[in-house]
Amino acid sequence: MARGCVMGKYWNEMGMGELGRLYCFVDVAKYMAFNPDYKLVHLKALPDGDEYCEFAIRLTTEQEKKDFFDEDKDWRYIDR
């Protein structure tokens, strides 16, 4: 759990939570780039309207790995 996410708070204050949520995908990308066998997912996120951010580490599927490294795929679904 993370409290006090400055970026999440900022995006919400600006009324741009949907845009701010894109910033959260950096967490997923960094984690999978480090070790594609695992993903960091947001169970809760400030830009989604939650009170705090909550994370989980999960194994990735072969399809998720393939989609993440394919330049033409939208891999944002991995963060669920």
N, C-alpha and C. Protein backbone atom coordinates (compact mmCIF):
# COMPACT_ATOMS: atom_id res chain seq x y z
N MET A 1 0.85 -1.16 0.00
CA MET A 1 0.00 0.00 0.00
C MET A 1 0.89 1.23 0.00
N ALA A 2 0.45 2.24 -0.72
CA ALA A 2 1.19 3.50 -0.75
C ALA A 2 0.22 4.64 -0.48
N ARG A 3 0.60 5.47 0.42
CA ARG A 3 -0.20 6.66 0.71
C ARG A 3 0.63 7.88 0.34
N GLY A 4 -0.05 8.92 -0.05
CA GLY A 4 0.65 10.16 -0.34
C GLY A 4 1.31 10.20 -1.70
N CYS A 5 0.75 9.54 -2.69
CA CYS A 5 1.31 9.61 -4.04
C CYS A 5 1.12 11.03 -4.57
N VAL A 6 2.20 11.74 -4.68
CA VAL A 6 2.15 13.14 -5.09
C VAL A 6 1.56 13.27 -6.50
N MET A 7 1.96 12.39 -7.40
CA MET A 7 1.47 12.47 -8.78
C MET A 7 -0.02 12.15 -8.85
N GLY A 8 -0.45 11.12 -8.16
CA GLY A 8 -1.87 10.77 -8.16
C GLY A 8 -2.73 11.89 -7.58
N LYS A 9 -2.24 12.47 -6.50
CA LYS A 9 -2.96 13.58 -5.87
C LYS A 9 -3.04 14.77 -6.83
N TYR A 10 -1.95 15.08 -7.49
CA TYR A 10 -1.91 16.20 -8.43
C TYR A 10 -2.91 16.00 -9.57
N TRP A 11 -2.89 14.83 -10.18
CA TRP A 11 -3.79 14.57 -11.31
C TRP A 11 -5.25 14.69 -10.87
N ASN A 12 -5.57 14.19 -9.70
CA ASN A 12 -6.94 14.28 -9.21
C ASN A 12 -7.34 15.73 -8.95
N GLU A 13 -6.44 16.51 -8.35
CA GLU A 13 -6.73 17.91 -8.08
C GLU A 13 -6.96 18.69 -9.37
N MET A 14 -6.28 18.30 -10.44
CA MET A 14 -6.42 18.97 -11.73
C MET A 14 -7.63 18.45 -12.51
N GLY A 15 -8.34 17.45 -11.94
CA GLY A 15 -9.49 16.87 -12.62
C GLY A 15 -9.09 16.04 -13.82
N MET A 16 -7.88 15.49 -13.77
CA MET A 16 -7.34 14.74 -14.91
C MET A 16 -6.93 13.33 -14.48
N GLY A 17 -7.76 12.68 -13.67
CA GLY A 17 -7.44 11.34 -13.17
C GLY A 17 -7.21 10.34 -14.28
N GLU A 18 -7.99 10.44 -15.35
CA GLU A 18 -7.83 9.49 -16.47
C GLU A 18 -6.46 9.63 -17.13
N LEU A 19 -6.04 10.85 -17.33
CA LEU A 19 -4.71 11.09 -17.87
C LEU A 19 -3.64 10.66 -16.87
N GLY A 20 -3.86 10.97 -15.61
CA GLY A 20 -2.91 10.59 -14.57
C GLY A 20 -2.75 9.09 -14.45
N ARG A 21 -3.81 8.36 -14.75
CA ARG A 21 -3.74 6.89 -14.66
C ARG A 21 -2.70 6.34 -15.64
N LEU A 22 -2.49 7.04 -16.74
CA LEU A 22 -1.46 6.61 -17.69
C LEU A 22 -0.09 6.60 -17.03
N TYR A 23 0.14 7.55 -16.13
CA TYR A 23 1.41 7.62 -15.42
C TYR A 23 1.65 6.35 -14.59
N CYS A 24 0.58 5.75 -14.09
CA CYS A 24 0.71 4.53 -13.29
C CYS A 24 1.27 3.36 -14.10
N PHE A 25 1.07 3.39 -15.40
CA PHE A 25 1.58 2.29 -16.23
C PHE A 25 3.11 2.25 -16.26
N VAL A 26 3.74 3.34 -15.85
CA VAL A 26 5.20 3.34 -15.74
C VAL A 26 5.64 2.28 -14.73
N ASP A 27 4.88 2.11 -13.65
CA ASP A 27 5.21 1.10 -12.65
C ASP A 27 5.20 -0.30 -13.26
N VAL A 28 4.18 -0.57 -14.04
CA VAL A 28 4.06 -1.88 -14.69
C VAL A 28 5.21 -2.08 -15.66
N ALA A 29 5.48 -1.08 -16.46
CA ALA A 29 6.53 -1.18 -17.48
C ALA A 29 7.91 -1.38 -16.86
N LYS A 30 8.21 -0.65 -15.80
CA LYS A 30 9.52 -0.79 -15.15
C LYS A 30 9.68 -2.20 -14.59
N TYR A 31 8.63 -2.70 -13.97
CA TYR A 31 8.72 -4.02 -13.34
C TYR A 31 8.91 -5.12 -14.38
N MET A 32 8.13 -5.06 -15.46
CA MET A 32 8.24 -6.10 -16.49
C MET A 32 9.54 -5.97 -17.28
N ALA A 33 10.03 -4.75 -17.44
CA ALA A 33 11.31 -4.58 -18.14
C ALA A 33 12.44 -5.17 -17.30
N PHE A 34 12.33 -5.08 -15.98
CA PHE A 34 13.34 -5.65 -15.09
C PHE A 34 13.28 -7.17 -15.08
N ASN A 35 12.07 -7.73 -14.97
CA ASN A 35 11.90 -9.18 -14.96
C ASN A 35 10.53 -9.51 -15.57
N PRO A 36 10.52 -9.90 -16.84
CA PRO A 36 9.26 -10.16 -17.55
C PRO A 36 8.42 -11.29 -16.97
N ASP A 37 8.96 -12.07 -16.06
CA ASP A 37 8.20 -13.16 -15.47
C ASP A 37 7.19 -12.68 -14.42
N TYR A 38 7.33 -11.42 -14.01
CA TYR A 38 6.47 -10.86 -12.97
C TYR A 38 5.92 -9.51 -13.40
N LYS A 39 4.77 -9.17 -12.86
CA LYS A 39 4.18 -7.86 -13.12
C LYS A 39 3.74 -7.23 -11.80
N LEU A 40 3.84 -5.93 -11.74
CA LEU A 40 3.31 -5.17 -10.62
C LEU A 40 1.97 -4.62 -11.11
N VAL A 41 0.91 -4.91 -10.37
CA VAL A 41 -0.41 -4.42 -10.75
C VAL A 41 -0.96 -3.51 -9.66
N HIS A 42 -1.80 -2.60 -10.07
CA HIS A 42 -2.46 -1.68 -9.14
C HIS A 42 -3.82 -2.26 -8.79
N LEU A 43 -3.99 -2.67 -7.56
CA LEU A 43 -5.30 -3.11 -7.09
C LEU A 43 -6.19 -1.90 -6.81
N LYS A 44 -5.54 -0.83 -6.37
CA LYS A 44 -6.20 0.45 -6.14
C LYS A 44 -5.24 1.53 -6.60
N ALA A 45 -5.78 2.65 -7.07
CA ALA A 45 -4.93 3.75 -7.53
C ALA A 45 -5.67 5.07 -7.32
N LEU A 46 -4.94 6.07 -6.85
CA LEU A 46 -5.53 7.38 -6.62
C LEU A 46 -6.24 7.93 -7.86
N PRO A 47 -5.64 7.86 -9.05
CA PRO A 47 -6.33 8.41 -10.22
C PRO A 47 -7.64 7.68 -10.56
N ASP A 48 -7.82 6.48 -10.03
CA ASP A 48 -9.06 5.75 -10.25
C ASP A 48 -10.14 6.15 -9.24
N GLY A 49 -9.78 7.04 -8.32
CA GLY A 49 -10.73 7.48 -7.30
C GLY A 49 -10.57 6.78 -5.97
N ASP A 50 -9.58 5.91 -5.86
CA ASP A 50 -9.33 5.22 -4.59
C ASP A 50 -8.63 6.16 -3.61
N GLU A 51 -8.71 5.85 -2.32
CA GLU A 51 -8.11 6.68 -1.28
C GLU A 51 -6.59 6.53 -1.19
N TYR A 52 -6.08 5.43 -1.71
CA TYR A 52 -4.65 5.16 -1.69
C TYR A 52 -4.34 4.18 -2.82
N CYS A 53 -3.06 3.95 -3.04
CA CYS A 53 -2.64 2.98 -4.06
C CYS A 53 -2.29 1.66 -3.36
N GLU A 54 -2.68 0.58 -3.97
CA GLU A 54 -2.36 -0.75 -3.44
C GLU A 54 -1.84 -1.59 -4.61
N PHE A 55 -0.75 -2.27 -4.36
CA PHE A 55 -0.06 -3.02 -5.40
C PHE A 55 -0.02 -4.52 -5.08
N ALA A 56 0.18 -5.30 -6.13
CA ALA A 56 0.41 -6.74 -5.97
C ALA A 56 1.41 -7.15 -7.04
N ILE A 57 2.20 -8.15 -6.71
CA ILE A 57 3.14 -8.72 -7.67
C ILE A 57 2.57 -10.07 -8.09
N ARG A 58 2.49 -10.28 -9.40
CA ARG A 58 1.91 -11.52 -9.92
C ARG A 58 2.78 -12.06 -11.04
N LEU A 59 2.65 -13.35 -11.26
CA LEU A 59 3.33 -13.97 -12.40
C LEU A 59 2.67 -13.49 -13.69
N THR A 60 3.46 -13.30 -14.72
CA THR A 60 2.91 -12.93 -16.02
C THR A 60 2.63 -14.19 -16.83
N THR A 61 1.67 -14.06 -17.73
CA THR A 61 1.39 -15.16 -18.66
C THR A 61 2.28 -14.98 -19.89
N GLU A 62 2.38 -16.03 -20.66
CA GLU A 62 3.16 -15.93 -21.90
C GLU A 62 2.55 -14.88 -22.83
N GLN A 63 1.22 -14.79 -22.86
CA GLN A 63 0.56 -13.79 -23.72
C GLN A 63 0.87 -12.38 -23.25
N GLU A 64 0.88 -12.16 -21.94
CA GLU A 64 1.22 -10.84 -21.42
C GLU A 64 2.63 -10.45 -21.79
N LYS A 65 3.57 -11.37 -21.68
CA LYS A 65 4.95 -11.09 -22.07
C LYS A 65 5.03 -10.73 -23.55
N LYS A 66 4.35 -11.52 -24.37
CA LYS A 66 4.36 -11.29 -25.81
C LYS A 66 3.78 -9.90 -26.13
N ASP A 67 2.64 -9.59 -25.54
CA ASP A 67 1.99 -8.30 -25.79
C ASP A 67 2.84 -7.13 -25.29
N PHE A 68 3.49 -7.30 -24.16
CA PHE A 68 4.29 -6.22 -23.59
C PHE A 68 5.45 -5.84 -24.50
N PHE A 69 6.07 -6.83 -25.10
CA PHE A 69 7.24 -6.57 -25.93
C PHE A 69 6.90 -6.32 -27.40
N ASP A 70 5.65 -6.44 -27.78
CA ASP A 70 5.21 -6.19 -29.15
C ASP A 70 4.86 -4.70 -29.27
N GLU A 71 5.55 -4.00 -30.16
CA GLU A 71 5.35 -2.56 -30.29
C GLU A 71 3.95 -2.18 -30.74
N ASP A 72 3.23 -3.09 -31.35
CA ASP A 72 1.91 -2.78 -31.89
C ASP A 72 0.77 -3.15 -30.96
N LYS A 73 1.06 -3.68 -29.79
CA LYS A 73 0.02 -4.13 -28.87
C LYS A 73 -0.24 -3.10 -27.77
N ASP A 74 -1.47 -3.03 -27.33
CA ASP A 74 -1.84 -2.22 -26.18
C ASP A 74 -1.79 -3.14 -24.97
N TRP A 75 -0.77 -3.01 -24.16
CA TRP A 75 -0.55 -3.93 -23.03
C TRP A 75 -1.10 -3.38 -21.72
N ARG A 76 -1.83 -2.28 -21.74
CA ARG A 76 -2.30 -1.69 -20.48
C ARG A 76 -3.22 -2.64 -19.69
N TYR A 77 -3.83 -3.60 -20.36
CA TYR A 77 -4.69 -4.57 -19.65
C TYR A 77 -3.92 -5.38 -18.61
N ILE A 78 -2.61 -5.43 -18.76
CA ILE A 78 -1.78 -6.22 -17.85
C ILE A 78 -1.89 -5.70 -16.42
N ASP A 79 -2.21 -4.43 -16.25
CA ASP A 79 -2.28 -3.82 -14.93
C ASP A 79 -3.63 -4.10 -14.25
N ARG A 80 -4.07 -5.33 -14.27
CA ARG A 80 -5.31 -5.73 -13.59
C ARG A 80 -5.16 -7.12 -13.04
